[in-house]
Amino acid sequence: TNSRTGAVVWDGALVLANYLAFSHRTLEGKTILDIGSGTGVVGLAASLLGARVVLSDTPDVIPFLSHNCALNRDAANVRGGAVAVAELEWSSFAAQGQTLESSIGVSFTPLYGSSWGDPPSVCGNNTGGCGEPLALAPHSLDIVLVSECVFYPEGVAPLVGTLARLSREFMKSSGFMLVSIEHREGALNQEAEQIFFKQIRGRFDVLKVASGDFDPDWQSDDIGVWKLIP
């Protein structure tokens, strides 16, 4: 279930987080959406590099994610970043049944921590008195992060549909996506990986990150990172 997979810091997440730190150094001024965030380690790493990050996952994972957000928000703020948490169901979002709207601009709803840098327990869904409102306007995303989300064949179509809608409606023309996947020997895992790459080709330009772009201490032959360009 999502609550079980979302409570694990997966190796692919660590590789992607360290890739951001090693290759990008700073993400100051970038607006980033991390989908299927789980523990939030990748998105939190981006916030510590100066980005404004929305961590997102299914409702059962939100308590873990909100807790980790609250623990790390001050460190992100010191480094010029910010972090907030939101629910995002791939199936309903891909089918456009879930909207991205809030009191200002466009945002994920319901929102846990409705201002940049404010913990869920402080703000809830109330933007009053909580600082700068969190808003994801159309074509405002610089980067979408996707780590260890390709597990089972039935989850691929909603994931790809979500990426496709984000690229159409919410990403800047210069935006891109970073996807980390650990190659696993299980038949279902391999099938999911094959379906994923089949479905994204034709929708995105797909570039595999070269081994020289990784921190030598944080790479693995079994884990790849791909850059998707709409």
C-alpha atoms as a PDB file:
ATOM      1  CA  THR A   1       0.000   0.000   0.000  1.00  0.00           C
ATOM      2  CA  ASN A   2       1.045   3.642  -0.338  1.00  0.00           C
ATOM      3  CA  SER A   3       1.338   4.036   3.430  1.00  0.00           C
ATOM      4  CA  ARG A   4       3.919   1.221   3.498  1.00  0.00           C
ATOM      5  CA  THR A   5       5.945   2.297   0.462  1.00  0.00           C
ATOM      6  CA  GLY A   6       5.646   5.930   1.523  1.00  0.00           C
ATOM      7  CA  ALA A   7       7.290   5.258   4.875  1.00  0.00           C
ATOM      8  CA  VAL A   8      10.531   3.948   3.342  1.00  0.00           C
ATOM      9  CA  VAL A   9      13.548   5.963   2.205  1.00  0.00           C
ATOM     10  CA  TRP A  10      14.222   4.153  -1.067  1.00  0.00           C
ATOM     11  CA  ASP A  11      17.681   3.927  -2.603  1.00  0.00           C
ATOM     12  CA  GLY A  12      16.462   5.639  -5.771  1.00  0.00           C
ATOM     13  CA  ALA A  13      15.372   8.615  -3.681  1.00  0.00           C
ATOM     14  CA  LEU A  14      18.816   8.923  -2.112  1.00  0.00           C
ATOM     15  CA  VAL A  15      20.473   8.753  -5.527  1.00  0.00           C
ATOM     16  CA  LEU A  16      18.202  11.462  -6.948  1.00  0.00           C
ATOM     17  CA  ALA A  17      18.567  13.702  -3.881  1.00  0.00           C
ATOM     18  CA  ASN A  18      22.350  13.493  -4.059  1.00  0.00           C
ATOM     19  CA  TYR A  19      22.269  14.031  -7.824  1.00  0.00           C
ATOM     20  CA  LEU A  20      20.477  17.339  -7.224  1.00  0.00           C
ATOM     21  CA  ALA A  21      23.116  18.407  -4.700  1.00  0.00           C
ATOM     22  CA  PHE A  22      26.056  17.231  -6.826  1.00  0.00           C
ATOM     23  CA  SER A  23      24.973  18.443 -10.276  1.00  0.00           C
ATOM     24  CA  HIS A  24      22.731  21.418  -9.572  1.00  0.00           C
ATOM     25  CA  ARG A  25      24.405  22.823  -6.434  1.00  0.00           C
ATOM     26  CA  THR A  26      21.678  25.435  -6.059  1.00  0.00           C
ATOM     27  CA  LEU A  27      18.016  25.530  -7.004  1.00  0.00           C
ATOM     28  CA  GLU A  28      17.424  29.037  -5.727  1.00  0.00           C
ATOM     29  CA  GLY A  29      14.343  30.632  -7.224  1.00  0.00           C
ATOM     30  CA  LYS A  30      13.013  27.368  -8.682  1.00  0.00           C
ATOM     31  CA  THR A  31       9.478  26.141  -8.082  1.00  0.00           C
ATOM     32  CA  ILE A  32       9.344  22.363  -7.829  1.00  0.00           C
ATOM     33  CA  LEU A  33       6.649  19.730  -7.448  1.00  0.00           C
ATOM     34  CA  ASP A  34       7.678  16.381  -5.965  1.00  0.00           C
ATOM     35  CA  ILE A  35       5.064  13.731  -6.726  1.00  0.00           C
ATOM     36  CA  GLY A  36       4.776  10.429  -4.894  1.00  0.00           C
ATOM     37  CA  SER A  37       6.997  12.058  -2.286  1.00  0.00           C
ATOM     38  CA  GLY A  38       6.769   9.333   0.355  1.00  0.00           C
ATOM     39  CA  THR A  39       9.050  10.459   3.182  1.00  0.00           C
ATOM     40  CA  GLY A  40       9.816  13.599   1.179  1.00  0.00           C
ATOM     41  CA  VAL A  41      13.575  13.104   1.101  1.00  0.00           C
ATOM     42  CA  VAL A  42      14.022  14.238  -2.533  1.00  0.00           C
ATOM     43  CA  GLY A  43      11.801  17.293  -2.314  1.00  0.00           C
ATOM     44  CA  LEU A  44      13.251  18.262   1.050  1.00  0.00           C
ATOM     45  CA  ALA A  45      16.746  18.037  -0.436  1.00  0.00           C
ATOM     46  CA  ALA A  46      15.615  20.407  -3.192  1.00  0.00           C
ATOM     47  CA  SER A  47      14.261  22.857  -0.604  1.00  0.00           C
ATOM     48  CA  LEU A  48      17.632  22.805   1.171  1.00  0.00           C
ATOM     49  CA  LEU A  49      19.175  23.844  -2.147  1.00  0.00           C
ATOM     50  CA  GLY A  50      16.975  26.945  -2.176  1.00  0.00           C
ATOM     51  CA  ALA A  51      13.887  25.812  -4.095  1.00  0.00           C
ATOM     52  CA  ARG A  52      10.233  26.351  -3.251  1.00  0.00           C
ATOM     53  CA  VAL A  53       8.908  22.798  -3.148  1.00  0.00           C
ATOM     54  CA  VAL A  54       5.482  21.204  -2.930  1.00  0.00           C
ATOM     55  CA  LEU A  55       5.656  17.657  -1.571  1.00  0.00           C
ATOM     56  CA  SER A  56       2.664  15.578  -2.652  1.00  0.00           C
ATOM     57  CA  ASP A  57       1.277  12.107  -2.111  1.00  0.00           C
ATOM     58  CA  THR A  58      -1.925  10.218  -1.351  1.00  0.00           C
ATOM     59  CA  PRO A  59      -3.964  10.967   1.810  1.00  0.00           C
ATOM     60  CA  ASP A  60      -2.650   7.982   3.773  1.00  0.00           C
ATOM     61  CA  VAL A  61       0.941   9.198   3.357  1.00  0.00           C
ATOM     62  CA  ILE A  62       0.234  12.835   4.233  1.00  0.00           C
ATOM     63  CA  PRO A  63       0.751  12.427   8.023  1.00  0.00           C
ATOM     64  CA  PHE A  64       4.319  11.098   7.500  1.00  0.00           C
ATOM     65  CA  LEU A  65       5.028  13.742   4.897  1.00  0.00           C
ATOM     66  CA  SER A  66       3.629  16.598   6.963  1.00  0.00           C
ATOM     67  CA  HIS A  67       5.709  15.565   9.970  1.00  0.00           C
ATOM     68  CA  ASN A  68       8.906  15.533   7.928  1.00  0.00           C
ATOM     69  CA  CYS A  69       7.987  18.846   6.339  1.00  0.00           C
ATOM     70  CA  ALA A  70       7.564  20.446   9.760  1.00  0.00           C
ATOM     71  CA  LEU A  71      10.912  19.056  10.949  1.00  0.00           C
ATOM     72  CA  ASN A  72      12.815  20.492   7.996  1.00  0.00           C
ATOM     73  CA  ARG A  73      11.046  23.731   7.128  1.00  0.00           C
ATOM     74  CA  ASP A  74      13.304  25.964   9.243  1.00  0.00           C
ATOM     75  CA  ALA A  75      16.462  24.538   7.680  1.00  0.00           C
ATOM     76  CA  ALA A  76      14.961  25.120   4.222  1.00  0.00           C
ATOM     77  CA  ASN A  77      14.030  28.699   5.089  1.00  0.00           C
ATOM     78  CA  VAL A  78      17.563  29.465   6.288  1.00  0.00           C
ATOM     79  CA  ARG A  79      18.872  28.341   2.897  1.00  0.00           C
ATOM     80  CA  GLY A  80      16.339  30.402   0.961  1.00  0.00           C
ATOM     81  CA  GLY A  81      14.001  27.508   0.229  1.00  0.00           C
ATOM     82  CA  ALA A  82      10.482  26.708   1.334  1.00  0.00           C
ATOM     83  CA  VAL A  83       8.328  23.610   1.532  1.00  0.00           C
ATOM     84  CA  ALA A  84       4.634  22.753   1.726  1.00  0.00           C
ATOM     85  CA  VAL A  85       2.590  19.550   1.533  1.00  0.00           C
ATOM     86  CA  ALA A  86      -0.410  18.664  -0.615  1.00  0.00           C
ATOM     87  CA  GLU A  87      -2.569  15.677  -1.509  1.00  0.00           C
ATOM     88  CA  LEU A  88      -2.349  14.484  -5.088  1.00  0.00           C
ATOM     89  CA  GLU A  89      -4.201  11.419  -6.367  1.00  0.00           C
ATOM     90  CA  TRP A  90      -2.773  10.480  -9.752  1.00  0.00           C
ATOM     91  CA  SER A  91      -5.872   8.801 -11.143  1.00  0.00           C
ATOM     92  CA  SER A  92      -8.280  11.654 -10.475  1.00  0.00           C
ATOM     93  CA  PHE A  93      -5.749  14.330 -11.407  1.00  0.00           C
ATOM     94  CA  ALA A  94      -4.819  12.638 -14.692  1.00  0.00           C
ATOM     95  CA  ALA A  95      -8.521  12.433 -15.549  1.00  0.00           C
ATOM     96  CA  GLN A  96      -8.896  16.117 -14.574  1.00  0.00           C
ATOM     97  CA  GLY A  97     -11.258  15.194 -11.774  1.00  0.00           C
ATOM     98  CA  GLN A  98      -8.946  16.800  -9.229  1.00  0.00           C
ATOM     99  CA  THR A  99      -8.390  20.520  -9.640  1.00  0.00           C
ATOM    100  CA  LEU A 100      -5.483  22.689  -8.610  1.00  0.00           C
ATOM    101  CA  GLU A 101      -7.185  25.700  -7.120  1.00  0.00           C
ATOM    102  CA  SER A 102      -6.908  27.859  -4.043  1.00  0.00           C
ATOM    103  CA  SER A 103      -7.765  31.337  -2.860  1.00  0.00           C
ATOM    104  CA  ILE A 104      -4.840  32.762  -4.809  1.00  0.00           C
ATOM    105  CA  GLY A 105      -3.694  31.485  -8.165  1.00  0.00           C
ATOM    106  CA  VAL A 106      -3.751  27.742  -8.542  1.00  0.00           C
ATOM    107  CA  SER A 107      -2.764  25.283  -5.868  1.00  0.00           C
ATOM    108  CA  PHE A 108      -3.287  21.766  -4.659  1.00  0.00           C
ATOM    109  CA  THR A 109      -6.384  21.270  -2.576  1.00  0.00           C
ATOM    110  CA  PRO A 110      -6.886  20.240   0.156  1.00  0.00           C
ATOM    111  CA  LEU A 111      -3.623  21.775   1.256  1.00  0.00           C
ATOM    112  CA  TYR A 112      -1.751  20.947   4.438  1.00  0.00           C
ATOM    113  CA  GLY A 113       0.259  23.999   5.355  1.00  0.00           C
ATOM    114  CA  SER A 114      -1.210  26.585   3.001  1.00  0.00           C
ATOM    115  CA  SER A 115       1.712  28.982   3.134  1.00  0.00           C
ATOM    116  CA  TRP A 116       5.343  28.529   2.239  1.00  0.00           C
ATOM    117  CA  GLY A 117       7.276  27.423   5.276  1.00  0.00           C
ATOM    118  CA  ASP A 118       4.343  27.089   7.685  1.00  0.00           C
ATOM    119  CA  PRO A 119       3.740  23.688   9.300  1.00  0.00           C
ATOM    120  CA  PRO A 120       0.385  21.951   8.849  1.00  0.00           C
ATOM    121  CA  SER A 121      -0.521  22.391  12.510  1.00  0.00           C
ATOM    122  CA  VAL A 122      -0.284  26.166  12.180  1.00  0.00           C
ATOM    123  CA  CYS A 123      -2.028  26.919   8.929  1.00  0.00           C
ATOM    124  CA  GLY A 124      -4.325  24.046   8.022  1.00  0.00           C
ATOM    125  CA  ASN A 125      -6.400  25.356   5.118  1.00  0.00           C
ATOM    126  CA  ASN A 126      -6.438  28.943   6.371  1.00  0.00           C
ATOM    127  CA  THR A 127      -4.205  31.409   4.517  1.00  0.00           C
ATOM    128  CA  GLY A 128      -4.930  34.268   6.903  1.00  0.00           C
ATOM    129  CA  GLY A 129      -1.920  35.483   8.858  1.00  0.00           C
ATOM    130  CA  CYS A 130       0.402  32.729   7.660  1.00  0.00           C
ATOM    131  CA  GLY A 131       2.720  34.670   5.398  1.00  0.00           C
ATOM    132  CA  GLU A 132       3.029  34.303   1.654  1.00  0.00           C
ATOM    133  CA  PRO A 133       0.213  32.143   0.236  1.00  0.00           C
ATOM    134  CA  LEU A 134       1.253  29.011  -1.583  1.00  0.00           C
ATOM    135  CA  ALA A 135       0.164  29.241  -5.195  1.00  0.00           C
ATOM    136  CA  LEU A 136       0.989  27.136  -8.221  1.00  0.00           C
ATOM    137  CA  ALA A 137      -0.190  29.150 -11.162  1.00  0.00           C
ATOM    138  CA  PRO A 138      -0.436  27.651 -14.639  1.00  0.00           C
ATOM    139  CA  HIS A 139       2.988  27.228 -16.238  1.00  0.00           C
ATOM    140  CA  SER A 140       4.800  28.008 -12.975  1.00  0.00           C
ATOM    141  CA  LEU A 141       6.738  24.784 -12.354  1.00  0.00           C
ATOM    142  CA  ASP A 142      10.422  24.615 -13.188  1.00  0.00           C
ATOM    143  CA  ILE A 143      10.968  20.982 -12.222  1.00  0.00           C
ATOM    144  CA  VAL A 144       8.856  17.939 -11.390  1.00  0.00           C
ATOM    145  CA  LEU A 145      10.587  15.262  -9.299  1.00  0.00           C
ATOM    146  CA  VAL A 146       9.519  11.617  -9.500  1.00  0.00           C
ATOM    147  CA  SER A 147      11.405   9.095  -7.402  1.00  0.00           C
ATOM    148  CA  GLU A 148      10.746   5.360  -7.166  1.00  0.00           C
ATOM    149  CA  CYS A 149       7.172   5.652  -8.434  1.00  0.00           C
ATOM    150  CA  VAL A 150       7.377   2.956 -11.121  1.00  0.00           C
ATOM    151  CA  PHE A 151       6.547  -0.227  -9.188  1.00  0.00           C
ATOM    152  CA  TYR A 152       3.430  -1.927 -10.505  1.00  0.00           C
ATOM    153  CA  PRO A 153       1.933  -2.035 -14.008  1.00  0.00           C
ATOM    154  CA  GLU A 154      -1.472  -0.729 -12.895  1.00  0.00           C
ATOM    155  CA  GLY A 155       0.106   2.426 -11.505  1.00  0.00           C
ATOM    156  CA  VAL A 156       1.896   3.448 -14.685  1.00  0.00           C
ATOM    157  CA  ALA A 157      -0.999   4.901 -16.694  1.00  0.00           C
ATOM    158  CA  PRO A 158      -2.160   7.244 -13.874  1.00  0.00           C
ATOM    159  CA  LEU A 159       1.442   8.341 -13.323  1.00  0.00           C
ATOM    160  CA  VAL A 160       2.075   9.062 -16.995  1.00  0.00           C
ATOM    161  CA  GLY A 161      -1.286  10.805 -17.272  1.00  0.00           C
ATOM    162  CA  THR A 162      -0.359  13.011 -14.332  1.00  0.00           C
ATOM    163  CA  LEU A 163       3.018  13.876 -15.859  1.00  0.00           C
ATOM    164  CA  ALA A 164       1.355  14.650 -19.184  1.00  0.00           C
ATOM    165  CA  ARG A 165      -1.197  16.998 -17.603  1.00  0.00           C
ATOM    166  CA  LEU A 166       1.449  18.729 -15.507  1.00  0.00           C
ATOM    167  CA  SER A 167       3.574  19.305 -18.603  1.00  0.00           C
ATOM    168  CA  ARG A 168       0.624  20.769 -20.522  1.00  0.00           C
ATOM    169  CA  GLU A 169      -0.851  22.994 -17.857  1.00  0.00           C
ATOM    170  CA  PHE A 170       1.624  23.701 -15.081  1.00  0.00           C
ATOM    171  CA  MET A 171       5.198  23.580 -16.336  1.00  0.00           C
ATOM    172  CA  LYS A 172       7.194  26.450 -17.733  1.00  0.00           C
ATOM    173  CA  SER A 173       8.341  26.118 -21.339  1.00  0.00           C
ATOM    174  CA  SER A 174      11.862  25.631 -19.972  1.00  0.00           C
ATOM    175  CA  GLY A 175      10.733  23.072 -17.396  1.00  0.00           C
ATOM    176  CA  PHE A 176      11.716  19.430 -17.141  1.00  0.00           C
ATOM    177  CA  MET A 177      11.138  16.339 -15.026  1.00  0.00           C
ATOM    178  CA  LEU A 178      13.639  14.112 -13.246  1.00  0.00           C
ATOM    179  CA  VAL A 179      12.649  10.476 -12.731  1.00  0.00           C
ATOM    180  CA  SER A 180      14.642   7.946 -10.729  1.00  0.00           C
ATOM    181  CA  ILE A 181      13.952   4.236 -11.106  1.00  0.00           C
ATOM    182  CA  GLU A 182      15.661   1.261  -9.513  1.00  0.00           C
ATOM    183  CA  HIS A 183      15.730  -1.738 -11.821  1.00  0.00           C
ATOM    184  CA  ARG A 184      14.290  -4.709  -9.952  1.00  0.00           C
ATOM    185  CA  GLU A 185      14.208  -8.390 -10.874  1.00  0.00           C
ATOM    186  CA  GLY A 186      10.545  -8.975 -10.084  1.00  0.00           C
ATOM    187  CA  ALA A 187       8.380  -9.684 -13.124  1.00  0.00           C
ATOM    188  CA  LEU A 188       5.793  -7.051 -12.215  1.00  0.00           C
ATOM    189  CA  ASN A 189       8.484  -4.440 -11.573  1.00  0.00           C
ATOM    190  CA  GLN A 190      10.097  -5.114 -14.929  1.00  0.00           C
ATOM    191  CA  GLU A 191       6.737  -5.001 -16.691  1.00  0.00           C
ATOM    192  CA  ALA A 192       5.957  -1.655 -15.041  1.00  0.00           C
ATOM    193  CA  GLU A 193       9.297  -0.245 -16.165  1.00  0.00           C
ATOM    194  CA  GLN A 194       8.742  -1.392 -19.751  1.00  0.00           C
ATOM    195  CA  ILE A 195       5.242   0.080 -19.857  1.00  0.00           C
ATOM    196  CA  PHE A 196       6.458   3.361 -18.391  1.00  0.00           C
ATOM    197  CA  PHE A 197       9.129   3.941 -21.012  1.00  0.00           C
ATOM    198  CA  LYS A 198       6.793   2.869 -23.793  1.00  0.00           C
ATOM    199  CA  GLN A 199       4.161   5.368 -22.681  1.00  0.00           C
ATOM    200  CA  ILE A 200       6.425   8.364 -22.073  1.00  0.00           C
ATOM    201  CA  ARG A 201       8.249   8.139 -25.396  1.00  0.00           C
ATOM    202  CA  GLY A 202       6.398  10.272 -27.887  1.00  0.00           C
ATOM    203  CA  ARG A 203       5.157  12.534 -25.085  1.00  0.00           C
ATOM    204  CA  PHE A 204       8.600  13.583 -23.828  1.00  0.00           C
ATOM    205  CA  ASP A 205      12.171  13.693 -24.986  1.00  0.00           C
ATOM    206  CA  VAL A 206      13.848  11.135 -22.734  1.00  0.00           C
ATOM    207  CA  LEU A 207      17.483  11.570 -21.744  1.00  0.00           C
ATOM    208  CA  LYS A 208      19.317   9.277 -19.336  1.00  0.00           C
ATOM    209  CA  VAL A 209      21.605  11.127 -16.936  1.00  0.00           C
ATOM    210  CA  ALA A 210      25.238  10.136 -17.551  1.00  0.00           C
ATOM    211  CA  SER A 211      27.158   8.369 -14.792  1.00  0.00           C
ATOM    212  CA  GLY A 212      29.666  11.232 -14.677  1.00  0.00           C
ATOM    213  CA  ASP A 213      26.931  13.600 -13.523  1.00  0.00           C
ATOM    214  CA  PHE A 214      26.450  11.719 -10.242  1.00  0.00           C
ATOM    215  CA  ASP A 215      28.344  11.966  -6.999  1.00  0.00           C
ATOM    216  CA  PRO A 216      30.682   8.941  -7.213  1.00  0.00           C
ATOM    217  CA  ASP A 217      29.619   7.903  -3.717  1.00  0.00           C
ATOM    218  CA  TRP A 218      25.920   8.066  -4.592  1.00  0.00           C
ATOM    219  CA  GLN A 219      25.294   6.078  -7.733  1.00  0.00           C
ATOM    220  CA  SER A 220      24.390   2.517  -8.591  1.00  0.00           C
ATOM    221  CA  ASP A 221      24.288   0.410 -11.733  1.00  0.00           C
ATOM    222  CA  ASP A 222      20.751  -0.620 -10.751  1.00  0.00           C
ATOM    223  CA  ILE A 223      19.418   2.929 -10.388  1.00  0.00           C
ATOM    224  CA  GLY A 224      18.936   5.329 -13.266  1.00  0.00           C
ATOM    225  CA  VAL A 225      17.801   8.933 -13.475  1.00  0.00           C
ATOM    226  CA  TRP A 226      16.056  10.178 -16.586  1.00  0.00           C
ATOM    227  CA  LYS A 227      15.370  13.735 -17.654  1.00  0.00           C
ATOM    228  CA  LEU A 228      12.007  14.181 -19.374  1.00  0.00           C
ATOM    229  CA  ILE A 229      11.584  17.264 -21.525  1.00  0.00           C
ATOM    230  CA  PRO A 230       8.006  18.021 -22.696  1.00  0.00           C
END
